[in-house]
């Protein structure tokens, strides 16, 4: 496996893109490089992108190993199909990139790790007032019918990161990654200037936190209460966290340009843990503990109780990459 891709005989890179357990925003984000798409077409041939063209798995299986110079894999690994394709694309790619929050950290789909498969099925196929399922039918991996044996992917117990399944060369974080950073990464890739691979190093982002990009004033005041964005209008120009809005900026890797906070909304943490932190939620909890306006344990408990859905707030995008992983 090569950490840096070479070029095909026609001078172009061979690239691929795959969509696993995700919303599809990452596929759209690649199109957001806008006019640079023409430059990309000049520099690369797309040899696998099911979202954009009618490629088949059999097409990819027929490629020689290492045929693709680079493959962008977006989405977490939730089903047997995702796992099978991840292994296939690893074999066929010189460079495999976990593209977006779901592939690199589990993303929002990994919050389902807090539930069992049985509970998810109950909510989806039985305990929903909009359903009409008197026979209590559930998806079955194998179904016999008049046309033969039908098979669908198996629903795995947890959402996993791409790196939990195969060796990953690079990660591009974000939900979705920002177009400017993506184009910078593509240029570095085409020019052989990506950093030396080291345990799926993150690219198209920065080591500092979102707070380092945030233009808002830090007044160094302690948090007296927590508020949700729909409960109050934030004061422009002042740190949202100091105003009591849960902003994950202190624990989140920068690279997005602090877009949410510039729009007067708290950072949700989609670029993953900043700096040396490996558990984004734990890092944020530690940051909060240092700025609460509480002089006793009781006061601290009262403030923390105001936070709605702490796990979903602190681990919104990073459950699969956290120490928790999900339901034990």
C-alpha atoms as a PDB file:
ATOM      1  CA  UNK A   1       0.000   0.000   0.000  1.00  0.00           C
ATOM      2  CA  UNK A   2       1.308   3.425  -0.927  1.00  0.00           C
ATOM      3  CA  UNK A   3       0.638   6.454   1.247  1.00  0.00           C
ATOM      4  CA  UNK A   4       0.823   8.737  -1.780  1.00  0.00           C
ATOM      5  CA  UNK A   5      -0.996   7.974  -5.039  1.00  0.00           C
ATOM      6  CA  UNK A   6       0.700   7.779  -8.393  1.00  0.00           C
ATOM      7  CA  UNK A   7      -0.811   8.736 -11.727  1.00  0.00           C
ATOM      8  CA  UNK A   8      -2.225   6.513 -14.460  1.00  0.00           C
ATOM      9  CA  UNK A   9      -0.726   6.244 -17.928  1.00  0.00           C
ATOM     10  CA  UNK A  10      -2.943   9.091 -19.170  1.00  0.00           C
ATOM     11  CA  UNK A  11      -1.579  11.338 -16.423  1.00  0.00           C
ATOM     12  CA  UNK A  12      -4.841  11.319 -14.473  1.00  0.00           C
ATOM     13  CA  UNK A  13      -5.626  10.000 -11.026  1.00  0.00           C
ATOM     14  CA  UNK A  14      -8.248   7.284 -10.711  1.00  0.00           C
ATOM     15  CA  UNK A  15     -10.651   8.226  -7.894  1.00  0.00           C
ATOM     16  CA  UNK A  16     -13.719   6.716  -6.268  1.00  0.00           C
ATOM     17  CA  UNK A  17     -16.421   7.791  -3.791  1.00  0.00           C
ATOM     18  CA  UNK A  18     -18.716   5.574  -1.723  1.00  0.00           C
ATOM     19  CA  UNK A  19     -21.728   6.332   0.498  1.00  0.00           C
ATOM     20  CA  UNK A  20     -22.343   4.049   3.522  1.00  0.00           C
ATOM     21  CA  UNK A  21     -24.369   4.905   6.678  1.00  0.00           C
ATOM     22  CA  UNK A  22     -24.771   8.640   6.195  1.00  0.00           C
ATOM     23  CA  UNK A  23     -27.233  11.265   4.968  1.00  0.00           C
ATOM     24  CA  UNK A  24     -25.656  11.871   1.568  1.00  0.00           C
ATOM     25  CA  UNK A  25     -24.360  15.323   2.448  1.00  0.00           C
ATOM     26  CA  UNK A  26     -20.755  14.243   1.905  1.00  0.00           C
ATOM     27  CA  UNK A  27     -21.447  13.348  -1.731  1.00  0.00           C
ATOM     28  CA  UNK A  28     -23.003  16.780  -2.169  1.00  0.00           C
ATOM     29  CA  UNK A  29     -20.063  18.461  -0.430  1.00  0.00           C
ATOM     30  CA  UNK A  30     -17.669  17.113  -3.042  1.00  0.00           C
ATOM     31  CA  UNK A  31     -19.741  18.941  -5.653  1.00  0.00           C
ATOM     32  CA  UNK A  32     -19.499  22.151  -3.614  1.00  0.00           C
ATOM     33  CA  UNK A  33     -15.946  22.709  -4.810  1.00  0.00           C
ATOM     34  CA  UNK A  34     -17.860  24.435  -7.629  1.00  0.00           C
ATOM     35  CA  UNK A  35     -15.722  25.635 -10.555  1.00  0.00           C
ATOM     36  CA  UNK A  36     -12.851  23.491  -9.267  1.00  0.00           C
ATOM     37  CA  UNK A  37     -14.855  20.503 -10.560  1.00  0.00           C
ATOM     38  CA  UNK A  38     -13.564  21.307 -14.052  1.00  0.00           C
ATOM     39  CA  UNK A  39     -10.003  21.194 -12.725  1.00  0.00           C
ATOM     40  CA  UNK A  40     -10.765  17.915 -10.962  1.00  0.00           C
ATOM     41  CA  UNK A  41     -12.093  16.384 -14.185  1.00  0.00           C
ATOM     42  CA  UNK A  42      -8.881  17.415 -15.940  1.00  0.00           C
ATOM     43  CA  UNK A  43      -6.777  15.810 -13.215  1.00  0.00           C
ATOM     44  CA  UNK A  44      -8.781  12.670 -12.425  1.00  0.00           C
ATOM     45  CA  UNK A  45     -11.006   9.961 -13.860  1.00  0.00           C
ATOM     46  CA  UNK A  46     -13.934   8.847 -11.687  1.00  0.00           C
ATOM     47  CA  UNK A  47     -13.943   5.048 -11.717  1.00  0.00           C
ATOM     48  CA  UNK A  48     -16.486   4.466  -8.922  1.00  0.00           C
ATOM     49  CA  UNK A  49     -19.185   6.819  -7.613  1.00  0.00           C
ATOM     50  CA  UNK A  50     -22.580   5.089  -7.265  1.00  0.00           C
ATOM     51  CA  UNK A  51     -24.300   8.342  -6.297  1.00  0.00           C
ATOM     52  CA  UNK A  52     -23.322   9.971  -9.600  1.00  0.00           C
ATOM     53  CA  UNK A  53     -23.171   7.092 -12.102  1.00  0.00           C
ATOM     54  CA  UNK A  54     -24.368   3.508 -12.465  1.00  0.00           C
ATOM     55  CA  UNK A  55     -21.319   1.660 -11.174  1.00  0.00           C
ATOM     56  CA  UNK A  56     -21.740  -1.908  -9.910  1.00  0.00           C
ATOM     57  CA  UNK A  57     -19.846  -3.696  -7.159  1.00  0.00           C
ATOM     58  CA  UNK A  58     -18.876  -6.261  -9.783  1.00  0.00           C
ATOM     59  CA  UNK A  59     -17.135  -3.478 -11.721  1.00  0.00           C
ATOM     60  CA  UNK A  60     -14.979  -2.684  -8.708  1.00  0.00           C
ATOM     61  CA  UNK A  61     -14.351  -6.348  -7.928  1.00  0.00           C
ATOM     62  CA  UNK A  62     -12.977  -6.704 -11.450  1.00  0.00           C
ATOM     63  CA  UNK A  63     -10.404  -3.957 -10.951  1.00  0.00           C
ATOM     64  CA  UNK A  64      -6.837  -5.044 -10.101  1.00  0.00           C
ATOM     65  CA  UNK A  65      -5.822  -4.465  -6.483  1.00  0.00           C
ATOM     66  CA  UNK A  66      -4.640  -0.889  -5.996  1.00  0.00           C
ATOM     67  CA  UNK A  67      -6.383   0.205  -9.213  1.00  0.00           C
ATOM     68  CA  UNK A  68      -7.837   3.373  -7.674  1.00  0.00           C
ATOM     69  CA  UNK A  69      -5.315   5.993  -6.651  1.00  0.00           C
ATOM     70  CA  UNK A  70      -7.677   7.287  -3.990  1.00  0.00           C
ATOM     71  CA  UNK A  71     -11.147   6.428  -2.708  1.00  0.00           C
ATOM     72  CA  UNK A  72     -13.245   8.714  -0.513  1.00  0.00           C
ATOM     73  CA  UNK A  73     -15.411   6.569   1.784  1.00  0.00           C
ATOM     74  CA  UNK A  74     -18.189   8.479   3.554  1.00  0.00           C
ATOM     75  CA  UNK A  75     -20.586   7.133   6.159  1.00  0.00           C
ATOM     76  CA  UNK A  76     -20.266   4.799   9.110  1.00  0.00           C
ATOM     77  CA  UNK A  77     -20.294   1.016   8.881  1.00  0.00           C
ATOM     78  CA  UNK A  78     -23.747  -0.185   9.983  1.00  0.00           C
ATOM     79  CA  UNK A  79     -24.526  -3.202   7.802  1.00  0.00           C
ATOM     80  CA  UNK A  80     -22.821  -6.272   6.404  1.00  0.00           C
ATOM     81  CA  UNK A  81     -22.894  -4.586   2.986  1.00  0.00           C
ATOM     82  CA  UNK A  82     -20.969  -1.576   4.281  1.00  0.00           C
ATOM     83  CA  UNK A  83     -18.342  -3.842   5.808  1.00  0.00           C
ATOM     84  CA  UNK A  84     -17.999  -5.938   2.666  1.00  0.00           C
ATOM     85  CA  UNK A  85     -17.633  -2.872   0.440  1.00  0.00           C
ATOM     86  CA  UNK A  86     -15.146  -1.285   2.855  1.00  0.00           C
ATOM     87  CA  UNK A  87     -12.896  -4.346   2.550  1.00  0.00           C
ATOM     88  CA  UNK A  88     -13.322  -4.377  -1.235  1.00  0.00           C
ATOM     89  CA  UNK A  89     -12.443  -0.684  -1.589  1.00  0.00           C
ATOM     90  CA  UNK A  90      -9.457  -1.069   0.699  1.00  0.00           C
ATOM     91  CA  UNK A  91      -8.075  -3.761  -1.574  1.00  0.00           C
ATOM     92  CA  UNK A  92      -8.719  -1.737  -4.723  1.00  0.00           C
ATOM     93  CA  UNK A  93      -7.371   1.609  -3.445  1.00  0.00           C
ATOM     94  CA  UNK A  94      -3.816   2.809  -3.018  1.00  0.00           C
ATOM     95  CA  UNK A  95      -5.109   5.494  -0.659  1.00  0.00           C
ATOM     96  CA  UNK A  96      -8.348   5.151   1.323  1.00  0.00           C
ATOM     97  CA  UNK A  97      -9.776   8.276   2.974  1.00  0.00           C
ATOM     98  CA  UNK A  98     -12.479   8.326   5.654  1.00  0.00           C
ATOM     99  CA  UNK A  99     -14.462  11.291   4.366  1.00  0.00           C
ATOM    100  CA  UNK A 100     -16.709  13.159   6.788  1.00  0.00           C
ATOM    101  CA  UNK A 101     -17.725  12.788  10.419  1.00  0.00           C
ATOM    102  CA  UNK A 102     -19.599   9.497   9.990  1.00  0.00           C
ATOM    103  CA  UNK A 103     -16.680   7.650   8.407  1.00  0.00           C
ATOM    104  CA  UNK A 104     -14.067   9.123  10.748  1.00  0.00           C
ATOM    105  CA  UNK A 105     -15.951   9.241  14.087  1.00  0.00           C
ATOM    106  CA  UNK A 106     -19.328   7.511  13.600  1.00  0.00           C
ATOM    107  CA  UNK A 107     -21.326  10.709  13.162  1.00  0.00           C
ATOM    108  CA  UNK A 108     -24.975  11.091  14.106  1.00  0.00           C
ATOM    109  CA  UNK A 109     -25.836   7.496  13.034  1.00  0.00           C
ATOM    110  CA  UNK A 110     -23.582   6.206  15.834  1.00  0.00           C
ATOM    111  CA  UNK A 111     -25.930   7.688  18.457  1.00  0.00           C
ATOM    112  CA  UNK A 112     -28.021   4.595  17.691  1.00  0.00           C
ATOM    113  CA  UNK A 113     -25.280   2.655  19.488  1.00  0.00           C
ATOM    114  CA  UNK A 114     -27.083   3.671  22.668  1.00  0.00           C
ATOM    115  CA  UNK A 115     -29.873   1.275  21.682  1.00  0.00           C
ATOM    116  CA  UNK A 116     -30.023  -2.415  20.886  1.00  0.00           C
ATOM    117  CA  UNK A 117     -30.977  -3.779  17.478  1.00  0.00           C
ATOM    118  CA  UNK A 118     -34.196  -5.072  19.062  1.00  0.00           C
ATOM    119  CA  UNK A 119     -35.097  -1.620  20.377  1.00  0.00           C
ATOM    120  CA  UNK A 120     -34.373  -0.003  17.008  1.00  0.00           C
ATOM    121  CA  UNK A 121     -36.549  -2.563  15.230  1.00  0.00           C
ATOM    122  CA  UNK A 122     -39.336  -2.065  17.778  1.00  0.00           C
ATOM    123  CA  UNK A 123     -39.320   1.691  17.211  1.00  0.00           C
ATOM    124  CA  UNK A 124     -39.102   1.341  13.420  1.00  0.00           C
ATOM    125  CA  UNK A 125     -41.509  -1.514  12.722  1.00  0.00           C
ATOM    126  CA  UNK A 126     -43.826  -1.909  15.736  1.00  0.00           C
ATOM    127  CA  UNK A 127     -44.143   0.908  18.275  1.00  0.00           C
ATOM    128  CA  UNK A 128     -44.826   3.746  15.887  1.00  0.00           C
ATOM    129  CA  UNK A 129     -48.336   5.254  15.616  1.00  0.00           C
ATOM    130  CA  UNK A 130     -47.952   5.809  11.867  1.00  0.00           C
ATOM    131  CA  UNK A 131     -47.368   2.098  11.156  1.00  0.00           C
ATOM    132  CA  UNK A 132     -49.826  -0.556  10.022  1.00  0.00           C
ATOM    133  CA  UNK A 133     -47.983  -3.827  10.636  1.00  0.00           C
ATOM    134  CA  UNK A 134     -50.402  -6.319  12.232  1.00  0.00           C
ATOM    135  CA  UNK A 135     -48.258  -9.273  11.158  1.00  0.00           C
ATOM    136  CA  UNK A 136     -45.258  -7.790  12.990  1.00  0.00           C
ATOM    137  CA  UNK A 137     -43.066  -8.146   9.914  1.00  0.00           C
ATOM    138  CA  UNK A 138     -39.363  -7.297  10.272  1.00  0.00           C
ATOM    139  CA  UNK A 139     -36.611  -7.294   7.653  1.00  0.00           C
ATOM    140  CA  UNK A 140     -35.003 -10.716   7.296  1.00  0.00           C
ATOM    141  CA  UNK A 141     -31.518 -11.267   5.837  1.00  0.00           C
ATOM    142  CA  UNK A 142     -32.794 -14.248   3.842  1.00  0.00           C
ATOM    143  CA  UNK A 143     -36.314 -14.578   2.431  1.00  0.00           C
ATOM    144  CA  UNK A 144     -37.616 -17.411   0.271  1.00  0.00           C
ATOM    145  CA  UNK A 145     -40.124 -16.427  -2.395  1.00  0.00           C
ATOM    146  CA  UNK A 146     -41.385 -17.639  -5.753  1.00  0.00           C
ATOM    147  CA  UNK A 147     -38.406 -16.009  -7.452  1.00  0.00           C
ATOM    148  CA  UNK A 148     -35.870 -17.791  -5.277  1.00  0.00           C
ATOM    149  CA  UNK A 149     -33.794 -16.720  -2.298  1.00  0.00           C
ATOM    150  CA  UNK A 150     -33.699 -12.979  -1.647  1.00  0.00           C
ATOM    151  CA  UNK A 151     -30.909 -11.564   0.500  1.00  0.00           C
ATOM    152  CA  UNK A 152     -30.557  -8.118   2.049  1.00  0.00           C
ATOM    153  CA  UNK A 153     -27.669  -6.756   4.159  1.00  0.00           C
ATOM    154  CA  UNK A 154     -27.545  -7.736   7.829  1.00  0.00           C
ATOM    155  CA  UNK A 155     -28.112  -4.954  10.350  1.00  0.00           C
ATOM    156  CA  UNK A 156     -25.046  -4.969  12.620  1.00  0.00           C
ATOM    157  CA  UNK A 157     -25.127  -4.446  16.384  1.00  0.00           C
ATOM    158  CA  UNK A 158     -23.336  -1.077  16.250  1.00  0.00           C
ATOM    159  CA  UNK A 159     -22.228   1.684  13.914  1.00  0.00           C
ATOM    160  CA  UNK A 160     -18.465   1.490  13.502  1.00  0.00           C
ATOM    161  CA  UNK A 161     -15.902   3.866  12.025  1.00  0.00           C
ATOM    162  CA  UNK A 162     -14.224   2.916   8.775  1.00  0.00           C
ATOM    163  CA  UNK A 163     -10.950   2.541  10.697  1.00  0.00           C
ATOM    164  CA  UNK A 164     -12.582  -0.101  12.909  1.00  0.00           C
ATOM    165  CA  UNK A 165     -12.942  -2.308   9.823  1.00  0.00           C
ATOM    166  CA  UNK A 166      -9.967  -1.612   7.558  1.00  0.00           C
ATOM    167  CA  UNK A 167      -6.695   0.290   7.510  1.00  0.00           C
ATOM    168  CA  UNK A 168      -7.377   3.980   6.724  1.00  0.00           C
ATOM    169  CA  UNK A 169      -4.752   6.306   5.290  1.00  0.00           C
ATOM    170  CA  UNK A 170      -6.312   9.703   5.955  1.00  0.00           C
ATOM    171  CA  UNK A 171      -9.415  11.264   7.495  1.00  0.00           C
ATOM    172  CA  UNK A 172     -11.221  14.393   6.315  1.00  0.00           C
ATOM    173  CA  UNK A 173     -13.573  15.415   9.157  1.00  0.00           C
ATOM    174  CA  UNK A 174     -16.725  17.520   9.071  1.00  0.00           C
ATOM    175  CA  UNK A 175     -20.484  17.179   8.622  1.00  0.00           C
ATOM    176  CA  UNK A 176     -19.931  17.705   5.817  1.00  0.00           C
ATOM    177  CA  UNK A 177     -16.304  18.714   5.152  1.00  0.00           C
ATOM    178  CA  UNK A 178     -16.068  22.287   3.931  1.00  0.00           C
ATOM    179  CA  UNK A 179     -15.433  22.710   0.219  1.00  0.00           C
ATOM    180  CA  UNK A 180     -12.402  24.973   0.627  1.00  0.00           C
ATOM    181  CA  UNK A 181     -10.645  22.425   2.847  1.00  0.00           C
ATOM    182  CA  UNK A 182     -11.651  19.561   0.535  1.00  0.00           C
ATOM    183  CA  UNK A 183     -10.128  21.275  -2.479  1.00  0.00           C
ATOM    184  CA  UNK A 184      -6.921  21.944  -0.546  1.00  0.00           C
ATOM    185  CA  UNK A 185      -6.737  18.237   0.271  1.00  0.00           C
ATOM    186  CA  UNK A 186      -7.359  17.241  -3.365  1.00  0.00           C
ATOM    187  CA  UNK A 187      -4.577  19.549  -4.540  1.00  0.00           C
ATOM    188  CA  UNK A 188      -2.218  18.098  -1.931  1.00  0.00           C
ATOM    189  CA  UNK A 189      -3.243  14.612  -2.974  1.00  0.00           C
ATOM    190  CA  UNK A 190      -2.700  15.264  -6.679  1.00  0.00           C
ATOM    191  CA  UNK A 191       0.660  16.868  -5.956  1.00  0.00           C
ATOM    192  CA  UNK A 192       1.833  14.118  -3.622  1.00  0.00           C
ATOM    193  CA  UNK A 193       2.026  16.625  -0.772  1.00  0.00           C
ATOM    194  CA  UNK A 194      -0.191  15.006   1.853  1.00  0.00           C
ATOM    195  CA  UNK A 195       1.572  14.472   5.180  1.00  0.00           C
ATOM    196  CA  UNK A 196       3.238  11.145   5.828  1.00  0.00           C
ATOM    197  CA  UNK A 197       0.584   8.666   6.838  1.00  0.00           C
ATOM    198  CA  UNK A 198       0.504   8.020  10.571  1.00  0.00           C
ATOM    199  CA  UNK A 199      -2.488   6.170  12.029  1.00  0.00           C
ATOM    200  CA  UNK A 200      -5.100   7.719   9.749  1.00  0.00           C
ATOM    201  CA  UNK A 201      -3.889  11.309  10.146  1.00  0.00           C
ATOM    202  CA  UNK A 202      -6.600  13.949   9.755  1.00  0.00           C
ATOM    203  CA  UNK A 203      -6.233  16.376   6.869  1.00  0.00           C
ATOM    204  CA  UNK A 204      -8.308  19.291   5.522  1.00  0.00           C
ATOM    205  CA  UNK A 205      -8.535  20.659   9.066  1.00  0.00           C
ATOM    206  CA  UNK A 206      -6.331  22.245  11.718  1.00  0.00           C
ATOM    207  CA  UNK A 207      -5.012  21.081  15.092  1.00  0.00           C
ATOM    208  CA  UNK A 208      -6.410  24.080  16.971  1.00  0.00           C
ATOM    209  CA  UNK A 209      -9.984  24.326  18.231  1.00  0.00           C
ATOM    210  CA  UNK A 210     -12.995  26.130  16.792  1.00  0.00           C
ATOM    211  CA  UNK A 211     -12.544  28.674  19.587  1.00  0.00           C
ATOM    212  CA  UNK A 212      -9.253  29.679  17.946  1.00  0.00           C
ATOM    213  CA  UNK A 213     -11.180  30.565  14.756  1.00  0.00           C
ATOM    214  CA  UNK A 214     -14.141  32.134  16.558  1.00  0.00           C
ATOM    215  CA  UNK A 215     -14.219  35.966  16.422  1.00  0.00           C
ATOM    216  CA  UNK A 216     -16.494  36.311  19.462  1.00  0.00           C
ATOM    217  CA  UNK A 217     -15.317  38.140  22.584  1.00  0.00           C
ATOM    218  CA  UNK A 218     -14.344  36.036  25.612  1.00  0.00           C
ATOM    219  CA  UNK A 219     -15.270  38.026  28.723  1.00  0.00           C
ATOM    220  CA  UNK A 220     -14.078  35.325  31.113  1.00  0.00           C
ATOM    221  CA  UNK A 221     -17.388  35.121  32.967  1.00  0.00           C
ATOM    222  CA  UNK A 222     -18.715  31.924  34.511  1.00  0.00           C
ATOM    223  CA  UNK A 223     -21.847  30.135  33.337  1.00  0.00           C
ATOM    224  CA  UNK A 224     -24.838  30.874  35.590  1.00  0.00           C
ATOM    225  CA  UNK A 225     -27.463  28.927  33.617  1.00  0.00           C
ATOM    226  CA  UNK A 226     -27.810  26.870  30.445  1.00  0.00           C
ATOM    227  CA  UNK A 227     -30.146  27.860  27.633  1.00  0.00           C
ATOM    228  CA  UNK A 228     -31.141  26.212  24.378  1.00  0.00           C
ATOM    229  CA  UNK A 229     -30.989  28.185  21.096  1.00  0.00           C
ATOM    230  CA  UNK A 230     -34.797  28.378  20.785  1.00  0.00           C
ATOM    231  CA  UNK A 231     -35.170  29.792  24.291  1.00  0.00           C
ATOM    232  CA  UNK A 232     -33.260  33.044  23.822  1.00  0.00           C
ATOM    233  CA  UNK A 233     -31.545  35.157  21.186  1.00  0.00           C
ATOM    234  CA  UNK A 234     -27.804  35.194  21.729  1.00  0.00           C
ATOM    235  CA  UNK A 235     -26.048  38.513  22.130  1.00  0.00           C
ATOM    236  CA  UNK A 236     -23.962  39.106  18.974  1.00  0.00           C
ATOM    237  CA  UNK A 237     -20.208  39.210  19.372  1.00  0.00           C
ATOM    238  CA  UNK A 238     -20.060  37.545  22.807  1.00  0.00           C
ATOM    239  CA  UNK A 239     -18.928  33.969  23.426  1.00  0.00           C
ATOM    240  CA  UNK A 240     -21.983  31.726  23.180  1.00  0.00           C
ATOM    241  CA  UNK A 241     -20.748  29.348  25.863  1.00  0.00           C
ATOM    242  CA  UNK A 242     -20.334  32.177  28.352  1.00  0.00           C
ATOM    243  CA  UNK A 243     -23.956  33.122  27.577  1.00  0.00           C
ATOM    244  CA  UNK A 244     -25.049  29.630  28.607  1.00  0.00           C
ATOM    245  CA  UNK A 245     -25.530  28.080  25.163  1.00  0.00           C
ATOM    246  CA  UNK A 246     -23.826  24.694  24.856  1.00  0.00           C
ATOM    247  CA  UNK A 247     -21.121  25.389  22.285  1.00  0.00           C
ATOM    248  CA  UNK A 248     -18.719  22.478  21.662  1.00  0.00           C
ATOM    249  CA  UNK A 249     -16.100  24.805  20.165  1.00  0.00           C
ATOM    250  CA  UNK A 250     -13.525  24.333  22.969  1.00  0.00           C
ATOM    251  CA  UNK A 251     -13.325  20.581  22.257  1.00  0.00           C
ATOM    252  CA  UNK A 252     -13.733  20.651  18.463  1.00  0.00           C
ATOM    253  CA  UNK A 253     -11.046  20.634  15.790  1.00  0.00           C
ATOM    254  CA  UNK A 254     -11.013  23.738  13.607  1.00  0.00           C
ATOM    255  CA  UNK A 255     -11.191  23.858   9.836  1.00  0.00           C
ATOM    256  CA  UNK A 256     -14.824  24.788   9.240  1.00  0.00           C
ATOM    257  CA  UNK A 257     -14.187  28.506   9.605  1.00  0.00           C
ATOM    258  CA  UNK A 258     -16.405  28.696  12.709  1.00  0.00           C
ATOM    259  CA  UNK A 259     -19.423  28.933  10.408  1.00  0.00           C
ATOM    260  CA  UNK A 260     -22.064  28.089  13.012  1.00  0.00           C
ATOM    261  CA  UNK A 261     -20.901  30.567  15.637  1.00  0.00           C
ATOM    262  CA  UNK A 262     -20.608  33.276  12.995  1.00  0.00           C
ATOM    263  CA  UNK A 263     -24.289  32.593  12.246  1.00  0.00           C
ATOM    264  CA  UNK A 264     -25.109  33.101  15.958  1.00  0.00           C
ATOM    265  CA  UNK A 265     -25.519  29.351  16.568  1.00  0.00           C
ATOM    266  CA  UNK A 266     -23.429  27.167  18.892  1.00  0.00           C
ATOM    267  CA  UNK A 267     -20.840  24.786  17.461  1.00  0.00           C
ATOM    268  CA  UNK A 268     -22.167  21.199  17.446  1.00  0.00           C
ATOM    269  CA  UNK A 269     -18.752  19.536  17.164  1.00  0.00           C
ATOM    270  CA  UNK A 270     -18.844  17.983  13.691  1.00  0.00           C
ATOM    271  CA  UNK A 271     -15.093  18.213  13.063  1.00  0.00           C
ATOM    272  CA  UNK A 272     -14.294  15.884  15.964  1.00  0.00           C
ATOM    273  CA  UNK A 273     -11.955  16.179  18.927  1.00  0.00           C
ATOM    274  CA  UNK A 274      -9.352  18.935  18.845  1.00  0.00           C
ATOM    275  CA  UNK A 275      -5.679  18.762  19.700  1.00  0.00           C
ATOM    276  CA  UNK A 276      -4.536  15.650  21.511  1.00  0.00           C
ATOM    277  CA  UNK A 277      -8.008  14.740  22.813  1.00  0.00           C
ATOM    278  CA  UNK A 278      -9.379  11.360  21.743  1.00  0.00           C
ATOM    279  CA  UNK A 279     -12.761  11.596  23.477  1.00  0.00           C
ATOM    280  CA  UNK A 280     -14.479  14.808  22.407  1.00  0.00           C
ATOM    281  CA  UNK A 281     -17.316  14.503  24.910  1.00  0.00           C
ATOM    282  CA  UNK A 282     -14.999  14.007  27.867  1.00  0.00           C
ATOM    283  CA  UNK A 283     -12.895  16.972  26.744  1.00  0.00           C
ATOM    284  CA  UNK A 284     -15.998  19.174  26.564  1.00  0.00           C
ATOM    285  CA  UNK A 285     -17.246  18.052  29.957  1.00  0.00           C
ATOM    286  CA  UNK A 286     -13.863  18.981  31.401  1.00  0.00           C
ATOM    287  CA  UNK A 287     -14.011  22.406  29.753  1.00  0.00           C
ATOM    288  CA  UNK A 288     -17.500  23.030  31.131  1.00  0.00           C
ATOM    289  CA  UNK A 289     -16.483  22.029  34.643  1.00  0.00           C
ATOM    290  CA  UNK A 290     -13.859  24.766  34.697  1.00  0.00           C
ATOM    291  CA  UNK A 291     -16.276  27.626  33.939  1.00  0.00           C
ATOM    292  CA  UNK A 292     -19.444  26.768  35.899  1.00  0.00           C
ATOM    293  CA  UNK A 293     -20.553  29.402  38.398  1.00  0.00           C
ATOM    294  CA  UNK A 294     -20.868  26.894  41.219  1.00  0.00           C
ATOM    295  CA  UNK A 295     -19.207  26.939  44.614  1.00  0.00           C
ATOM    296  CA  UNK A 296     -20.676  23.638  45.817  1.00  0.00           C
ATOM    297  CA  UNK A 297     -21.408  20.192  44.450  1.00  0.00           C
ATOM    298  CA  UNK A 298     -25.128  20.826  44.789  1.00  0.00           C
ATOM    299  CA  UNK A 299     -24.941  23.999  42.680  1.00  0.00           C
ATOM    300  CA  UNK A 300     -22.909  22.171  40.048  1.00  0.00           C
ATOM    301  CA  UNK A 301     -25.486  19.358  39.905  1.00  0.00           C
ATOM    302  CA  UNK A 302     -28.311  21.881  39.552  1.00  0.00           C
ATOM    303  CA  UNK A 303     -26.572  23.519  36.594  1.00  0.00           C
ATOM    304  CA  UNK A 304     -25.720  20.236  34.876  1.00  0.00           C
ATOM    305  CA  UNK A 305     -29.328  19.079  35.244  1.00  0.00           C
ATOM    306  CA  UNK A 306     -30.307  21.944  32.937  1.00  0.00           C
ATOM    307  CA  UNK A 307     -28.469  20.285  30.017  1.00  0.00           C
ATOM    308  CA  UNK A 308     -30.955  18.393  27.859  1.00  0.00           C
ATOM    309  CA  UNK A 309     -29.634  15.092  26.440  1.00  0.00           C
ATOM    310  CA  UNK A 310     -25.998  15.330  27.619  1.00  0.00           C
ATOM    311  CA  UNK A 311     -24.839  12.261  25.662  1.00  0.00           C
ATOM    312  CA  UNK A 312     -26.467  13.419  22.441  1.00  0.00           C
ATOM    313  CA  UNK A 313     -25.010  16.892  23.009  1.00  0.00           C
ATOM    314  CA  UNK A 314     -21.419  15.972  23.864  1.00  0.00           C
ATOM    315  CA  UNK A 315     -21.168  12.902  21.589  1.00  0.00           C
ATOM    316  CA  UNK A 316     -23.371  14.039  18.708  1.00  0.00           C
ATOM    317  CA  UNK A 317     -20.767  13.224  16.067  1.00  0.00           C
ATOM    318  CA  UNK A 318     -18.166  11.151  17.907  1.00  0.00           C
ATOM    319  CA  UNK A 319     -19.849   8.261  19.709  1.00  0.00           C
ATOM    320  CA  UNK A 320     -18.057   5.550  17.700  1.00  0.00           C
ATOM    321  CA  UNK A 321     -14.696   7.235  18.298  1.00  0.00           C
ATOM    322  CA  UNK A 322     -15.274   7.800  22.021  1.00  0.00           C
ATOM    323  CA  UNK A 323     -14.373   5.727  25.037  1.00  0.00           C
ATOM    324  CA  UNK A 324     -18.101   5.012  25.453  1.00  0.00           C
ATOM    325  CA  UNK A 325     -18.588   3.498  21.959  1.00  0.00           C
ATOM    326  CA  UNK A 326     -22.262   3.009  22.852  1.00  0.00           C
ATOM    327  CA  UNK A 327     -24.406   0.631  24.828  1.00  0.00           C
ATOM    328  CA  UNK A 328     -22.388  -1.890  26.807  1.00  0.00           C
END
